[in-house]
Amino acid sequence: MSAYEDEQVARGLIVRTARSLFTRGLTHGSTGNLSVRLADGALLLTPTGSSLGTLTETGLSRTDVHGRHLDGPRPTKEAFLHAAFYRARPAAHAVVHLHSTHAAAVSCLAVPDTGDVLPPLTAYYAMRVGRLPLLPYHAPGDPALEPLAEHTARTHHAVLLANHGPVVAGTSLEQAADAIEELEETAKLHLLLQGHTTRPLTPEQAAALAPPTA
């Protein structure tokens, strides 16, 4: 899919997707942010301090691919994170960042392998997420995270921010939202199965379903 050609359509899609995520409890309060890349190269983002449940089509922000504010209200303080993913992944046209409960819980665990923090418990997780690296803790809005996020996003379309939450890029907003929901459900399964012997997909089975790395 190409970048979003019709900005008004893109605005409507962001608002509908944001409200769906909010009303189904995948984010809360004023947490989480969404963006899409427009055909002119600008990024259309949710504004800072906004609730995904009350967004309006006219109340969105525009930045360039380096995070510089172009127009509209002030963008999310994590605009730099979105910009980093777009620079790293030319085929990405949407980014979703949530503080969804179970993924955030996993982000607080001491894990043995920060290169891949969730097992491939289901085929859909293997298809839509694949490997999930954990990036070290940075305070929300800390620009020191930007170069690390950009470097990691070159080979992973999904990451988990330590003590924070997931970020997922996709070729469309629908794809990114589907993937981050699959990530949240797998995090929930992972926590429910703690203390039980699990049978995840084998490395060969997961590799056969893995999404593209770039």
Protein backbone atom coordinates (compact mmCIF):
# COMPACT_ATOMS: atom_id res chain seq x y z
CA MET A 1 0.00 0.00 0.00
CA SER A 2 1.22 3.51 -0.80
CA ALA A 3 1.19 6.42 1.63
CA TYR A 4 -2.25 7.82 2.41
CA GLU A 5 -3.25 9.94 -0.59
CA ASP A 6 -6.38 11.55 0.86
CA GLU A 7 -5.63 13.37 4.10
CA GLN A 8 -9.29 13.68 5.06
CA VAL A 9 -9.75 9.91 4.73
CA ALA A 10 -6.62 9.40 6.83
CA ARG A 11 -7.95 11.72 9.54
CA GLY A 12 -11.19 9.79 9.73
CA LEU A 13 -9.34 6.48 9.90
CA ILE A 14 -7.13 7.68 12.78
CA VAL A 15 -10.14 8.87 14.78
CA ARG A 16 -12.13 5.63 14.22
CA THR A 17 -9.16 3.42 15.04
CA ALA A 18 -8.27 5.42 18.14
CA ARG A 19 -11.82 5.25 19.48
CA SER A 20 -12.01 1.53 18.84
CA LEU A 21 -8.76 0.91 20.73
CA PHE A 22 -9.90 3.13 23.61
CA THR A 23 -13.43 1.78 24.00
CA ARG A 24 -12.12 -1.79 24.05
CA GLY A 25 -9.69 -1.01 26.86
CA LEU A 26 -6.47 -1.28 24.87
CA THR A 27 -5.40 2.13 26.14
CA HIS A 28 -6.62 4.44 28.88
CA GLY A 29 -6.67 8.06 29.98
CA SER A 30 -4.46 10.16 27.71
CA THR A 31 -2.03 7.32 26.92
CA GLY A 32 -1.15 5.95 23.49
CA ASN A 33 -0.62 7.61 20.14
CA LEU A 34 -1.19 6.84 16.46
CA SER A 35 0.18 8.20 13.19
CA VAL A 36 0.05 7.70 9.44
CA ARG A 37 2.40 8.84 6.69
CA LEU A 38 0.69 11.03 4.08
CA ALA A 39 1.46 11.07 0.36
CA ASP A 40 3.37 14.36 0.68
CA GLY A 41 5.71 12.74 3.23
CA ALA A 42 4.22 14.52 6.25
CA LEU A 43 3.11 12.57 9.30
CA LEU A 44 -0.39 12.92 10.72
CA LEU A 45 -0.37 12.23 14.48
CA THR A 46 -2.49 12.34 17.58
CA PRO A 47 -1.74 15.46 19.67
CA THR A 48 -0.08 15.61 23.07
CA GLY A 49 -2.24 15.10 26.15
CA SER A 50 -5.18 13.76 24.14
CA SER A 51 -7.41 10.79 24.90
CA LEU A 52 -7.76 8.32 22.04
CA GLY A 53 -11.45 8.16 22.96
CA THR A 54 -12.20 11.82 22.22
CA LEU A 55 -10.09 12.71 19.17
CA THR A 56 -11.56 14.79 16.36
CA GLU A 57 -10.56 14.87 12.71
CA THR A 58 -9.66 18.57 12.94
CA GLY A 59 -7.63 18.11 16.13
CA LEU A 60 -4.70 16.15 14.72
CA SER A 61 -1.09 17.27 14.32
CA ARG A 62 1.26 17.26 11.35
CA THR A 63 5.03 16.87 11.53
CA ASP A 64 7.75 16.04 9.05
CA VAL A 65 9.67 12.76 9.08
CA HIS A 66 12.20 14.30 11.46
CA GLY A 67 9.52 15.13 14.02
CA ARG A 68 9.40 18.87 13.34
CA HIS A 69 5.95 20.35 13.99
CA LEU A 70 4.30 21.62 10.79
CA ASP A 71 0.76 22.55 11.81
CA GLY A 72 -2.20 21.64 13.98
CA PRO A 73 -2.00 21.23 17.77
CA ARG A 74 1.26 20.25 19.41
CA PRO A 75 1.97 16.59 18.55
CA THR A 76 2.44 13.77 21.02
CA LYS A 77 5.72 14.09 22.90
CA GLU A 78 6.64 10.73 21.34
CA ALA A 79 6.43 12.09 17.80
CA PHE A 80 10.16 11.48 17.48
CA LEU A 81 9.52 7.75 18.04
CA HIS A 82 7.04 7.62 15.16
CA ALA A 83 9.43 9.56 12.94
CA ALA A 84 12.25 7.14 13.77
CA PHE A 85 10.15 4.18 12.63
CA TYR A 86 9.19 5.87 9.36
CA ARG A 87 12.79 6.74 8.57
CA ALA A 88 13.90 3.19 9.32
CA ARG A 89 11.05 1.49 7.44
CA PRO A 90 10.24 3.08 4.05
CA ALA A 91 7.33 0.65 3.51
CA ALA A 92 5.67 1.66 6.79
CA HIS A 93 2.70 4.01 6.52
CA ALA A 94 1.32 3.76 10.07
CA VAL A 95 2.63 3.48 13.63
CA VAL A 96 0.66 2.60 16.78
CA HIS A 97 1.96 2.97 20.33
CA LEU A 98 -0.15 1.80 23.28
CA HIS A 99 0.14 1.25 27.03
CA SER A 100 -2.03 -1.88 26.82
CA THR A 101 -2.16 -3.67 30.17
CA HIS A 102 -0.64 -7.07 29.46
CA ALA A 103 2.08 -5.86 27.09
CA ALA A 104 3.00 -3.17 29.63
CA ALA A 105 3.13 -5.87 32.32
CA VAL A 106 5.54 -7.93 30.22
CA SER A 107 7.65 -4.80 29.70
CA CYS A 108 8.19 -4.69 33.49
CA LEU A 109 9.44 -8.29 33.80
CA ALA A 110 13.07 -9.28 34.15
CA VAL A 111 13.51 -11.34 30.99
CA PRO A 112 16.38 -13.65 30.00
CA ASP A 113 16.45 -12.52 26.35
CA THR A 114 15.85 -8.84 25.62
CA GLY A 115 16.18 -9.62 21.91
CA ASP A 116 12.87 -11.49 21.92
CA VAL A 117 10.62 -11.14 24.98
CA LEU A 118 7.51 -13.09 23.96
CA PRO A 119 7.37 -16.72 22.78
CA PRO A 120 5.48 -17.48 19.54
CA LEU A 121 2.51 -19.08 21.29
CA THR A 122 0.20 -18.79 18.28
CA ALA A 123 0.57 -18.75 14.52
CA TYR A 124 -1.07 -15.32 14.33
CA TYR A 125 1.52 -13.83 16.67
CA ALA A 126 4.30 -15.33 14.56
CA MET A 127 2.70 -13.88 11.41
CA ARG A 128 1.83 -10.42 12.68
CA VAL A 129 4.63 -9.69 15.15
CA GLY A 130 7.49 -12.19 14.93
CA ARG A 131 10.43 -11.31 17.18
CA LEU A 132 9.86 -8.62 19.81
CA PRO A 133 12.95 -6.87 21.22
CA LEU A 134 12.80 -5.01 24.53
CA LEU A 135 14.35 -1.54 24.41
CA PRO A 136 15.88 -0.26 27.67
CA TYR A 137 13.94 2.16 29.84
CA HIS A 138 13.74 5.82 28.88
CA ALA A 139 11.40 8.37 30.41
CA PRO A 140 8.38 9.12 28.18
CA GLY A 141 9.39 11.72 25.60
CA ASP A 142 13.13 11.23 26.16
CA PRO A 143 14.73 11.94 22.75
CA ALA A 144 17.71 9.74 23.71
CA LEU A 145 15.49 6.82 22.71
CA GLU A 146 15.24 8.02 19.09
CA PRO A 147 18.53 6.65 17.63
CA LEU A 148 18.07 3.29 19.35
CA ALA A 149 14.48 3.02 18.12
CA GLU A 150 15.50 3.90 14.57
CA HIS A 151 18.33 1.35 14.60
CA THR A 152 16.08 -1.42 15.96
CA ALA A 153 13.21 -0.58 13.61
CA ARG A 154 15.40 -1.35 10.61
CA THR A 155 15.05 -5.05 11.40
CA HIS A 156 11.91 -5.18 13.58
CA HIS A 157 8.50 -3.63 12.92
CA ALA A 158 7.46 -4.15 16.57
CA VAL A 159 9.31 -3.30 19.78
CA LEU A 160 8.47 -3.24 23.47
CA LEU A 161 9.64 -0.23 25.50
CA ALA A 162 10.77 -1.28 28.98
CA ASN A 163 8.33 -0.29 31.76
CA HIS A 164 6.20 1.42 29.14
CA GLY A 165 4.49 -0.41 26.26
CA PRO A 166 4.57 -1.62 22.64
CA VAL A 167 5.21 0.23 19.38
CA VAL A 168 4.23 -1.36 16.06
CA ALA A 169 4.61 -0.13 12.47
CA GLY A 170 2.61 -1.41 9.52
CA THR A 171 1.99 -0.82 5.85
CA SER A 172 -1.45 0.49 6.87
CA LEU A 173 -3.10 1.63 10.09
CA GLU A 174 -5.33 -1.44 10.01
CA GLN A 175 -2.30 -3.72 9.81
CA ALA A 176 -0.44 -1.95 12.62
CA ALA A 177 -3.53 -2.03 14.86
CA ASP A 178 -4.12 -5.74 14.16
CA ALA A 179 -0.50 -6.53 14.99
CA ILE A 180 -0.47 -4.57 18.25
CA GLU A 181 -3.71 -6.28 19.32
CA GLU A 182 -2.15 -9.66 18.57
CA LEU A 183 0.86 -8.62 20.64
CA GLU A 184 -1.41 -7.68 23.55
CA GLU A 185 -3.30 -10.99 23.38
CA THR A 186 -0.05 -12.96 23.30
CA ALA A 187 1.26 -11.00 26.29
CA LYS A 188 -1.97 -11.92 28.10
CA LEU A 189 -1.54 -15.59 27.21
CA HIS A 190 2.09 -15.48 28.29
CA LEU A 191 1.16 -14.12 31.72
CA LEU A 192 -1.74 -16.56 32.13
CA LEU A 193 0.58 -19.47 31.37
CA GLN A 194 3.28 -18.45 33.87
CA GLY A 195 4.14 -21.54 35.94
CA HIS A 196 2.85 -23.92 33.27
CA THR A 197 4.88 -25.86 30.75
CA THR A 198 4.12 -24.31 27.36
CA ARG A 199 4.46 -25.59 23.84
CA PRO A 200 5.26 -22.59 21.62
CA LEU A 201 5.81 -22.90 17.91
CA THR A 202 9.16 -24.39 17.00
CA PRO A 203 11.78 -22.01 15.56
CA GLU A 204 11.15 -23.55 12.14
CA GLN A 205 7.37 -23.09 12.42
CA ALA A 206 7.77 -19.48 13.58
CA ALA A 207 10.31 -18.69 10.85
CA ALA A 208 7.94 -19.99 8.17
CA LEU A 209 5.34 -17.42 9.30
CA ALA A 210 7.61 -14.51 10.20
CA PRO A 211 6.77 -11.05 8.76
CA PRO A 212 9.34 -9.23 6.61
CA THR A 213 12.17 -7.67 8.59
CA ALA A 214 12.15 -4.39 6.60
